[in-house]
Each structure stands twice: as C-alpha cells, then as structure tokens.
Amino acid sequence: MHQRRPKPSPLTVEETASPPARLHRTHDRHAPNPHALGYRVRELRALGGPGLTKTYELIKTGRLQTTKIGATTIVIGDSFRRLMRGEN
C-alpha cells in the first residue's frame, strides 16, 4: 500500500506574492529626481519620457541636448523638461 503524503501547509500572502515588477531598469532602485540637472537615457522612461529608440532619435535630430561623461550619455534636464512641456 502507498502511504499518503501529508498536505502542505497553506502559504501566507507574503510567501505567495511575487516581488513587485520593475517596468524600467535604472542603475539605482529609486525613481530619478524630476528636477535633476541631467539623466541617463534609460532614466527618462521612468519619468514618463520616450523609450530608448525615440530618445536616441530625438538626440540625433537635436531636440534633446546631451553631454557625455565617459561612455555614459547624459540628457540635459532642462532640455528634457522643455520637450515634455511641448516647447521643442
């Protein structure tokens, strides 16, 4: 005869809940400061800005101003805010 396996104990909500999904990956866990002087390209999406492809297109056409720090492209904060207000 087969022995019955004991029933597993019910899981608590904490054990069954999945970790919160992060929609856009940034270098730190906190949302970017909306008043910052500059942003990494990937941080713009977390602020409601365009995705990567559109951001690079806006940089290429001159609608977003950037600077480089090493290999990192930094979008000038005022340029991003003007774009979001529709002033570009």
N, C-alpha and C. Protein backbone atom coordinates (compact mmCIF):
# COMPACT_ATOMS: atom_id res chain seq x y z
N MET A 1 0.82 -1.19 0.00
CA MET A 1 0.00 0.00 0.00
C MET A 1 0.86 1.25 0.00
N HIS A 2 0.32 2.27 -0.64
CA HIS A 2 1.01 3.54 -0.68
C HIS A 2 0.64 4.40 0.51
N GLN A 3 1.66 5.06 1.04
CA GLN A 3 1.36 6.00 2.12
C GLN A 3 0.99 7.34 1.51
N ARG A 4 0.07 7.98 2.15
CA ARG A 4 -0.34 9.30 1.68
C ARG A 4 0.67 10.33 2.13
N ARG A 5 0.95 11.26 1.24
CA ARG A 5 1.83 12.36 1.62
C ARG A 5 1.05 13.35 2.45
N PRO A 6 1.69 13.95 3.43
CA PRO A 6 0.98 14.95 4.21
C PRO A 6 0.70 16.17 3.34
N LYS A 7 -0.43 16.81 3.58
CA LYS A 7 -0.80 18.00 2.83
C LYS A 7 0.14 19.15 3.22
N PRO A 8 0.58 19.92 2.23
CA PRO A 8 1.44 21.05 2.58
C PRO A 8 0.63 22.10 3.34
N SER A 9 1.31 22.79 4.21
CA SER A 9 0.62 23.83 4.97
C SER A 9 0.27 24.98 4.03
N PRO A 10 -0.84 25.66 4.29
CA PRO A 10 -1.21 26.78 3.42
C PRO A 10 -0.15 27.88 3.48
N LEU A 11 0.10 28.49 2.35
CA LEU A 11 1.09 29.55 2.29
C LEU A 11 0.48 30.88 2.71
N THR A 12 1.29 31.69 3.30
CA THR A 12 0.81 33.01 3.68
C THR A 12 0.86 33.93 2.46
N VAL A 13 0.24 35.07 2.55
CA VAL A 13 0.22 36.03 1.45
C VAL A 13 1.65 36.44 1.09
N GLU A 14 2.49 36.65 2.10
CA GLU A 14 3.86 37.06 1.85
C GLU A 14 4.63 36.02 1.05
N GLU A 15 4.33 34.76 1.28
CA GLU A 15 5.04 33.69 0.59
C GLU A 15 4.55 33.51 -0.84
N THR A 16 3.28 33.84 -1.11
CA THR A 16 2.74 33.64 -2.44
C THR A 16 2.85 34.88 -3.32
N ALA A 17 3.00 36.03 -2.71
CA ALA A 17 3.06 37.26 -3.50
C ALA A 17 4.38 37.33 -4.25
N SER A 18 4.29 37.70 -5.50
CA SER A 18 5.52 37.85 -6.28
C SER A 18 6.11 39.23 -5.99
N PRO A 19 7.41 39.38 -6.19
CA PRO A 19 8.02 40.68 -5.94
C PRO A 19 7.47 41.71 -6.92
N PRO A 20 7.44 42.97 -6.54
CA PRO A 20 6.90 43.98 -7.44
C PRO A 20 7.71 44.05 -8.72
N ALA A 21 7.02 44.13 -9.82
CA ALA A 21 7.69 44.20 -11.12
C ALA A 21 8.26 45.59 -11.34
N ARG A 22 9.48 45.64 -11.85
CA ARG A 22 10.08 46.92 -12.20
C ARG A 22 9.91 47.07 -13.70
N LEU A 23 9.19 48.11 -14.10
CA LEU A 23 8.91 48.29 -15.51
C LEU A 23 10.16 48.68 -16.29
N HIS A 24 10.98 49.53 -15.69
CA HIS A 24 12.16 50.02 -16.38
C HIS A 24 13.34 49.95 -15.44
N ARG A 25 14.38 49.38 -15.92
CA ARG A 25 15.56 49.21 -15.09
C ARG A 25 16.41 50.46 -15.09
N THR A 26 16.74 50.94 -13.91
CA THR A 26 17.67 52.06 -13.79
C THR A 26 18.82 51.59 -12.92
N HIS A 27 19.84 52.40 -12.82
CA HIS A 27 21.02 51.99 -12.07
C HIS A 27 20.79 51.98 -10.57
N ASP A 28 19.84 52.76 -10.08
CA ASP A 28 19.56 52.65 -8.65
C ASP A 28 18.09 52.30 -8.47
N ARG A 29 17.72 51.97 -7.28
CA ARG A 29 16.36 51.48 -7.04
C ARG A 29 15.35 52.60 -6.87
N HIS A 30 15.80 53.82 -6.76
CA HIS A 30 14.89 54.93 -6.54
C HIS A 30 14.54 55.59 -7.86
N ALA A 31 13.35 56.17 -7.93
CA ALA A 31 12.96 56.90 -9.14
C ALA A 31 13.86 58.11 -9.30
N PRO A 32 14.17 58.48 -10.53
CA PRO A 32 15.02 59.64 -10.75
C PRO A 32 14.35 60.92 -10.25
N ASN A 33 15.16 61.85 -9.80
CA ASN A 33 14.66 63.14 -9.33
C ASN A 33 14.16 63.93 -10.54
N PRO A 34 12.89 64.35 -10.56
CA PRO A 34 12.38 65.08 -11.72
C PRO A 34 13.03 66.45 -11.92
N HIS A 35 13.76 66.96 -10.93
CA HIS A 35 14.40 68.26 -11.03
C HIS A 35 15.91 68.15 -11.20
N ALA A 36 16.40 66.99 -11.58
CA ALA A 36 17.84 66.77 -11.72
C ALA A 36 18.41 67.59 -12.87
N LEU A 37 19.71 67.83 -12.82
CA LEU A 37 20.39 68.56 -13.88
C LEU A 37 20.53 67.73 -15.15
N GLY A 38 20.61 66.41 -14.99
CA GLY A 38 20.74 65.53 -16.14
C GLY A 38 20.28 64.13 -15.81
N TYR A 39 20.02 63.35 -16.86
CA TYR A 39 19.52 61.98 -16.70
C TYR A 39 20.25 61.05 -17.65
N ARG A 40 20.43 59.80 -17.23
CA ARG A 40 20.86 58.77 -18.15
C ARG A 40 19.70 58.51 -19.10
N VAL A 41 19.99 58.03 -20.29
CA VAL A 41 18.95 57.82 -21.29
C VAL A 41 17.86 56.89 -20.75
N ARG A 42 18.26 55.83 -20.07
CA ARG A 42 17.27 54.88 -19.55
C ARG A 42 16.39 55.47 -18.44
N GLU A 43 16.84 56.50 -17.76
CA GLU A 43 16.05 57.10 -16.69
C GLU A 43 14.88 57.91 -17.21
N LEU A 44 14.93 58.37 -18.44
CA LEU A 44 13.85 59.19 -18.99
C LEU A 44 12.53 58.45 -19.00
N ARG A 45 12.58 57.16 -19.30
CA ARG A 45 11.36 56.37 -19.35
C ARG A 45 10.67 56.33 -17.99
N ALA A 46 11.44 56.26 -16.92
CA ALA A 46 10.86 56.22 -15.57
C ALA A 46 10.18 57.54 -15.22
N LEU A 47 10.51 58.60 -15.95
CA LEU A 47 9.90 59.91 -15.73
C LEU A 47 8.75 60.18 -16.70
N GLY A 48 8.35 59.18 -17.45
CA GLY A 48 7.27 59.34 -18.40
C GLY A 48 7.73 59.80 -19.76
N GLY A 49 9.02 59.72 -19.98
CA GLY A 49 9.59 60.15 -21.25
C GLY A 49 9.54 59.06 -22.29
N PRO A 50 10.16 59.32 -23.44
CA PRO A 50 10.14 58.34 -24.53
C PRO A 50 11.01 57.12 -24.25
N GLY A 51 10.81 56.08 -25.03
CA GLY A 51 11.63 54.88 -24.93
C GLY A 51 13.01 55.12 -25.51
N LEU A 52 13.83 54.09 -25.49
CA LEU A 52 15.22 54.23 -25.94
C LEU A 52 15.35 54.66 -27.40
N THR A 53 14.63 53.99 -28.29
CA THR A 53 14.76 54.30 -29.71
C THR A 53 14.36 55.74 -29.99
N LYS A 54 13.22 56.15 -29.46
CA LYS A 54 12.75 57.52 -29.69
C LYS A 54 13.70 58.54 -29.05
N THR A 55 14.23 58.23 -27.88
CA THR A 55 15.16 59.13 -27.22
C THR A 55 16.39 59.36 -28.08
N TYR A 56 16.97 58.28 -28.62
CA TYR A 56 18.15 58.44 -29.47
C TYR A 56 17.80 59.18 -30.77
N GLU A 57 16.59 59.01 -31.27
CA GLU A 57 16.15 59.76 -32.44
C GLU A 57 16.07 61.26 -32.12
N LEU A 58 15.52 61.59 -30.94
CA LEU A 58 15.43 62.99 -30.52
C LEU A 58 16.81 63.62 -30.30
N ILE A 59 17.74 62.82 -29.82
CA ILE A 59 19.12 63.30 -29.64
C ILE A 59 19.73 63.57 -31.02
N LYS A 60 19.54 62.64 -31.93
CA LYS A 60 20.12 62.78 -33.27
C LYS A 60 19.58 64.01 -34.00
N THR A 61 18.29 64.30 -33.83
CA THR A 61 17.68 65.45 -34.51
C THR A 61 17.91 66.76 -33.76
N GLY A 62 18.52 66.69 -32.57
CA GLY A 62 18.84 67.90 -31.82
C GLY A 62 17.74 68.40 -30.90
N ARG A 63 16.65 67.66 -30.78
CA ARG A 63 15.56 68.08 -29.89
C ARG A 63 15.87 67.82 -28.42
N LEU A 64 16.82 66.93 -28.14
CA LEU A 64 17.30 66.69 -26.78
C LEU A 64 18.79 66.99 -26.77
N GLN A 65 19.22 67.81 -25.84
CA GLN A 65 20.64 68.13 -25.69
C GLN A 65 21.27 67.12 -24.74
N THR A 66 22.50 66.74 -25.05
CA THR A 66 23.20 65.76 -24.24
C THR A 66 24.64 66.19 -24.00
N THR A 67 25.25 65.50 -23.07
CA THR A 67 26.68 65.58 -22.83
C THR A 67 27.15 64.17 -22.52
N LYS A 68 28.44 63.94 -22.58
CA LYS A 68 28.98 62.62 -22.28
C LYS A 68 29.82 62.70 -21.02
N ILE A 69 29.69 61.71 -20.17
CA ILE A 69 30.57 61.52 -19.02
C ILE A 69 31.12 60.11 -19.20
N GLY A 70 32.36 60.05 -19.67
CA GLY A 70 32.92 58.75 -20.03
C GLY A 70 32.12 58.18 -21.18
N ALA A 71 31.62 56.97 -21.02
CA ALA A 71 30.82 56.33 -22.06
C ALA A 71 29.32 56.58 -21.87
N THR A 72 28.95 57.27 -20.79
CA THR A 72 27.54 57.47 -20.47
C THR A 72 27.00 58.75 -21.12
N THR A 73 25.90 58.62 -21.83
CA THR A 73 25.22 59.77 -22.41
C THR A 73 24.28 60.34 -21.36
N ILE A 74 24.43 61.63 -21.08
CA ILE A 74 23.58 62.31 -20.12
C ILE A 74 22.70 63.31 -20.87
N VAL A 75 21.39 63.19 -20.70
CA VAL A 75 20.45 64.14 -21.30
C VAL A 75 20.31 65.31 -20.33
N ILE A 76 20.48 66.52 -20.85
CA ILE A 76 20.37 67.72 -20.03
C ILE A 76 18.93 67.84 -19.52
N GLY A 77 18.79 68.02 -18.20
CA GLY A 77 17.47 68.05 -17.57
C GLY A 77 16.55 69.11 -18.14
N ASP A 78 17.04 70.33 -18.33
CA ASP A 78 16.19 71.39 -18.87
C ASP A 78 15.71 71.06 -20.28
N SER A 79 16.54 70.42 -21.08
CA SER A 79 16.17 70.03 -22.43
C SER A 79 15.03 69.00 -22.38
N PHE A 80 15.14 68.03 -21.48
CA PHE A 80 14.09 67.02 -21.32
C PHE A 80 12.79 67.66 -20.86
N ARG A 81 12.85 68.55 -19.87
CA ARG A 81 11.64 69.19 -19.36
C ARG A 81 10.96 70.06 -20.43
N ARG A 82 11.75 70.76 -21.26
CA ARG A 82 11.17 71.55 -22.35
C ARG A 82 10.45 70.63 -23.34
N LEU A 83 11.07 69.49 -23.66
CA LEU A 83 10.45 68.53 -24.56
C LEU A 83 9.12 68.04 -23.99
N MET A 84 9.09 67.72 -22.72
CA MET A 84 7.87 67.20 -22.10
C MET A 84 6.78 68.27 -22.01
N ARG A 85 7.16 69.54 -21.95
CA ARG A 85 6.16 70.63 -21.95
C ARG A 85 5.72 70.98 -23.36
N GLY A 86 6.34 70.38 -24.37
CA GLY A 86 5.99 70.64 -25.75
C GLY A 86 6.62 71.89 -26.31
N GLU A 87 7.69 72.38 -25.69
CA GLU A 87 8.34 73.61 -26.12
C GLU A 87 9.40 73.36 -27.18
N ASN A 88 9.75 72.13 -27.47
CA ASN A 88 10.77 71.84 -28.51
C ASN A 88 10.10 71.58 -29.83
